[in-house]
Amino acid sequence: MIRQWGGMFTLLHSLLTNKLDPVLFRQPYFNTAELANYQIFPLSGLRSLNYSYLIAWPTMAKRRRFKALNSDIASNWLVRNLCRVHIATGILAPLICIFYFASGGYVLFFT
């Protein structure tokens, strides 16, 4: 499961950043600190998540970060669905980690 998610993340990261960086990775959409920080590995994943959010749910993303974007980003159904899975796992993974740490803490302190 983790290997498939990592492969999907790597594929989407390389695909989306190569296609969307020249258009979107600039000042009206990202502030100067984000432009500097999102170029290196750990935080570049957040840039990919922002792009995935824009492709998966464009109306919601345009209401928040990409307000000045007037045109739609062309993508096919496969990329759109992969972006939706990417966002969903990005939300579910921390929740699962919190559950495991909470249950481990319960076992450690209360049993």
Foldseek 3Di string as FASTA:
>chain_A
DVVVLVVLLVVLLVVQCVPPVVPQLDPQQDPPVCSVPLPDPPNVSVVSLLSLCCLQPVVVSCVPRVVVDDDHDDDDPVSNVSSVVNNVCVVVVVVVVVVVVVVVVCVVPPD
